[in-house]
Every structure is written in C-alpha cells, then in structure tokens.
Amino acid sequence: MVKENIHNSLSTLTASQLAKLLVMHHGIDVFGYKYGSLRDAPNGLVTLEDLALMSGEALDKLYDESSHDDAVNEVRYSAVDAPSINSWCHYSWERNYDVDVKAFILPDGRALAFCEMSGGGRHGEPNSYPWVEEAKFIKVSDVEERVIKTYKFEEIQEAPEVSP
C-alpha cells in the first residue's frame, strides 16, 4: 500500500510519473538520497514535502537528472503479484525472460502495475527493463483478507536429573 500522503493529488500524475515518485520518495526516506535539482528547495535539497507538491513534469525532470540505483530495485521488489493481468511488455523481453506483473496499491483504490523480468540466463540483464517508464494503472477488483498465524518459540529448560 502506498502511503496516504505521498502526493497532494495522485490523480494528476501519469502512471510513469507516479512510479518515479515512488522511487524518489523511497530514495529520500530509506536511503537518504539527496536530490538537488530544484532551485526553490531550501539548501538546494528536495524533501519528501517537496516531492508531494511537485507537478508531474517536475517529477519527470528530477527523476531524469538523478541516480536511483538501490531505490529502483527496492521499490520494485516491494510490489504485490498481479497474476490476473497479462503482461504488456515488448515480445522480445518475454522471449528471453520470465515476466510477472506486479502492482502497488494506491490510496485512491487504483493500482500501479508494471512488468517485472527475471531469469535470462548467465548474460541476462532483467533489471535493465524500463518498468518505471512502462507502468500503467489497473483496477483493484477484489480484496481477500487472510488470517495469518505467527508462532513464537522458546527453548525448554531441561529439568535436573533425579537420582533414585
């Protein structure tokens, strides 16, 4: 689930812009990235609050001017599976890689979907697939809640042996 207050108006962003926002938000929030492209940002650094107020065009520009190595992968791996959605990636990627559709659940009820590549053999580069640029919106059609039991364990203290 994407944070409720990640942007002032999610409905104004394209799917690609929202994917870029998620990556940059994670970069600042988790990895402490310092984005410094905005003239009006205090000390020249972009904060989470600045990201929340940016237009889609400003997000595009900031994303294109910056590096996001770890944040791109970590955000991508935090998505949920969307097995009922067919992949829309170029056929050559599906020919060489295993393709799964993943999604981020948005606060407004939509989901942001993208194709994730894996495999490809020894010389494969599944991480080079431009999932941020090819993201698209899908609809959440059903939510199934499950109860998950979590067990905790402790060592059993051995009792001293009793002599007869």
Protein backbone atom coordinates (compact mmCIF):
# COMPACT_ATOMS: atom_id res chain seq x y z
CA MET A 1 0.00 0.00 0.00
CA VAL A 2 1.36 3.38 -0.99
CA LYS A 3 1.46 5.97 1.81
CA GLU A 4 -1.66 8.13 2.03
CA ASN A 5 0.15 11.47 1.97
CA ILE A 6 2.76 10.72 -0.70
CA HIS A 7 1.43 13.39 -3.08
CA ASN A 8 -1.12 16.19 -2.87
CA SER A 9 -3.04 14.84 -5.89
CA LEU A 10 -2.28 11.36 -7.18
CA SER A 11 -4.97 11.73 -9.86
CA THR A 12 -2.91 14.37 -11.70
CA LEU A 13 0.09 12.08 -12.26
CA THR A 14 0.58 9.61 -15.10
CA ALA A 15 1.46 6.02 -14.20
CA SER A 16 5.10 6.63 -15.12
CA GLN A 17 5.26 9.82 -13.04
CA LEU A 18 3.78 8.02 -10.06
CA ALA A 19 6.35 5.21 -10.40
CA LYS A 20 9.11 7.85 -10.47
CA LEU A 21 7.61 9.50 -7.39
CA LEU A 22 7.61 6.18 -5.51
CA VAL A 23 11.27 5.58 -6.37
CA MET A 24 12.39 9.07 -5.35
CA HIS A 25 10.27 9.03 -2.19
CA HIS A 26 11.86 5.73 -1.19
CA GLY A 27 15.29 7.07 -2.10
CA ILE A 28 14.94 10.02 0.27
CA ASP A 29 13.01 8.19 3.01
CA VAL A 30 15.03 4.96 3.21
CA PHE A 31 18.40 5.55 1.58
CA GLY A 32 18.84 9.24 2.43
CA TYR A 33 19.33 10.27 -1.20
CA LYS A 34 20.00 13.94 -1.71
CA TYR A 35 18.13 15.26 -4.75
CA GLY A 36 19.25 18.77 -5.52
CA SER A 37 17.83 19.88 -8.85
CA LEU A 38 15.14 22.29 -7.68
CA ARG A 39 16.04 25.96 -7.40
CA ASP A 40 13.35 26.70 -4.83
CA ALA A 41 14.21 23.83 -2.47
CA PRO A 42 15.81 25.00 0.79
CA ASN A 43 19.56 24.35 0.80
CA GLY A 44 19.12 23.06 -2.74
CA LEU A 45 17.90 19.67 -1.46
CA VAL A 46 14.50 18.14 -2.22
CA THR A 47 12.49 16.90 0.78
CA LEU A 48 9.56 14.49 0.95
CA GLU A 49 7.28 17.52 1.30
CA ASP A 50 8.74 18.99 -1.92
CA LEU A 51 8.03 15.72 -3.75
CA ALA A 52 4.43 15.74 -2.50
CA LEU A 53 3.84 19.15 -4.07
CA MET A 54 5.66 18.68 -7.39
CA SER A 55 3.89 18.62 -10.71
CA GLY A 56 4.25 15.58 -12.90
CA GLU A 57 6.58 17.45 -15.24
CA ALA A 58 8.85 18.46 -12.35
CA LEU A 59 8.94 14.83 -11.14
CA ASP A 60 9.93 13.70 -14.65
CA LYS A 61 12.73 16.25 -14.80
CA LEU A 62 14.09 15.48 -11.33
CA TYR A 63 13.98 11.74 -11.97
CA ASP A 64 15.79 12.06 -15.30
CA GLU A 65 18.53 14.24 -13.77
CA SER A 66 19.21 11.92 -10.80
CA SER A 67 20.52 8.47 -9.96
CA HIS A 68 18.25 5.96 -8.21
CA ASP A 69 20.13 2.64 -8.24
CA ASP A 70 19.13 0.99 -4.96
CA ALA A 71 15.75 2.70 -4.64
CA VAL A 72 14.56 1.46 -8.07
CA ASN A 73 15.17 -2.17 -7.17
CA GLU A 74 13.89 -2.00 -3.62
CA VAL A 75 10.66 -0.28 -4.66
CA ARG A 76 10.17 -2.81 -7.44
CA TYR A 77 10.56 -5.74 -5.07
CA SER A 78 8.02 -4.33 -2.59
CA ALA A 79 5.08 -4.66 -5.01
CA VAL A 80 2.45 -7.41 -4.83
CA ASP A 81 1.78 -10.02 -7.52
CA ALA A 82 -0.98 -9.29 -10.04
CA PRO A 83 -1.28 -12.70 -11.76
CA SER A 84 -4.65 -11.98 -13.40
CA ILE A 85 -3.16 -9.15 -15.51
CA ASN A 86 -1.47 -10.07 -18.79
CA SER A 87 1.97 -8.64 -19.46
CA TRP A 88 2.22 -5.81 -21.98
CA CYS A 89 5.99 -5.73 -22.42
CA HIS A 90 7.63 -5.99 -25.83
CA TYR A 91 7.64 -9.58 -27.11
CA SER A 92 11.46 -9.79 -27.17
CA TRP A 93 11.58 -9.40 -23.40
CA GLU A 94 9.08 -12.22 -22.90
CA ARG A 95 11.05 -14.40 -25.27
CA ASN A 96 14.21 -14.09 -23.14
CA TYR A 97 12.90 -13.57 -19.60
CA ASP A 98 10.23 -14.76 -17.23
CA VAL A 99 7.71 -11.93 -16.90
CA ASP A 100 5.44 -11.28 -13.92
CA VAL A 101 3.04 -8.40 -13.47
CA LYS A 102 3.36 -6.63 -10.11
CA ALA A 103 1.38 -3.77 -8.60
CA PHE A 104 1.37 -1.11 -5.89
CA ILE A 105 -1.99 -0.47 -4.23
CA LEU A 106 -2.77 3.26 -4.22
CA PRO A 107 -4.77 5.07 -1.51
CA ASP A 108 -7.46 6.06 -4.04
CA GLY A 109 -8.34 2.42 -4.86
CA ARG A 110 -6.37 2.08 -8.07
CA ALA A 111 -3.19 0.09 -8.51
CA LEU A 112 0.00 0.95 -10.34
CA ALA A 113 1.17 -2.06 -12.34
CA PHE A 114 4.43 -2.89 -14.08
CA CYS A 115 6.16 -5.86 -15.69
CA GLU A 116 8.98 -7.46 -13.74
CA MET A 117 11.61 -9.53 -15.52
CA SER A 118 13.63 -12.40 -14.07
CA GLY A 119 15.88 -15.11 -15.44
CA GLY A 120 17.53 -14.62 -18.80
CA GLY A 121 20.48 -16.89 -18.26
CA ARG A 122 24.05 -16.05 -17.46
CA HIS A 123 24.21 -12.97 -19.69
CA GLY A 124 20.71 -11.74 -18.90
CA GLU A 125 20.02 -8.24 -17.58
CA PRO A 126 16.42 -8.33 -16.31
CA ASN A 127 17.00 -5.19 -14.21
CA SER A 128 17.52 -3.15 -17.36
CA TYR A 129 13.83 -3.39 -18.30
CA PRO A 130 12.35 0.16 -18.14
CA TRP A 131 9.48 -0.71 -15.78
CA VAL A 132 9.17 2.86 -14.46
CA GLU A 133 8.52 4.25 -17.93
CA GLU A 134 6.09 1.44 -18.86
CA ALA A 135 3.99 1.38 -15.69
CA LYS A 136 0.22 1.60 -16.08
CA PHE A 137 -2.85 1.90 -13.90
CA ILE A 138 -5.08 -1.10 -13.24
CA LYS A 139 -8.20 -1.56 -11.12
CA VAL A 140 -8.33 -3.46 -7.83
CA SER A 141 -11.31 -5.77 -8.37
CA ASP A 142 -11.35 -7.68 -5.08
CA VAL A 143 -9.59 -7.83 -1.75
CA GLU A 144 -9.27 -11.08 0.14
CA GLU A 145 -8.24 -10.86 3.76
CA ARG A 146 -6.47 -13.80 5.33
CA VAL A 147 -5.65 -14.56 8.91
CA ILE A 148 -2.02 -15.40 9.37
CA LYS A 149 -0.80 -17.17 12.47
CA THR A 150 2.67 -16.37 13.68
CA TYR A 151 4.29 -18.68 16.16
CA LYS A 152 6.95 -17.78 18.71
CA PHE A 153 9.17 -20.40 20.25
CA GLU A 154 11.31 -20.73 23.35
CA GLU A 155 13.88 -23.23 24.47
CA ILE A 156 12.67 -25.77 27.02
CA GLN A 157 14.70 -25.66 30.17
CA GLU A 158 15.92 -29.13 30.95
CA ALA A 159 14.96 -30.35 34.41
CA PRO A 160 17.81 -31.61 36.61
CA GLU A 161 18.07 -35.35 36.63
CA VAL A 162 16.55 -37.06 39.66
CA SER A 163 18.68 -39.76 41.42
CA PRO A 164 16.91 -42.89 42.69
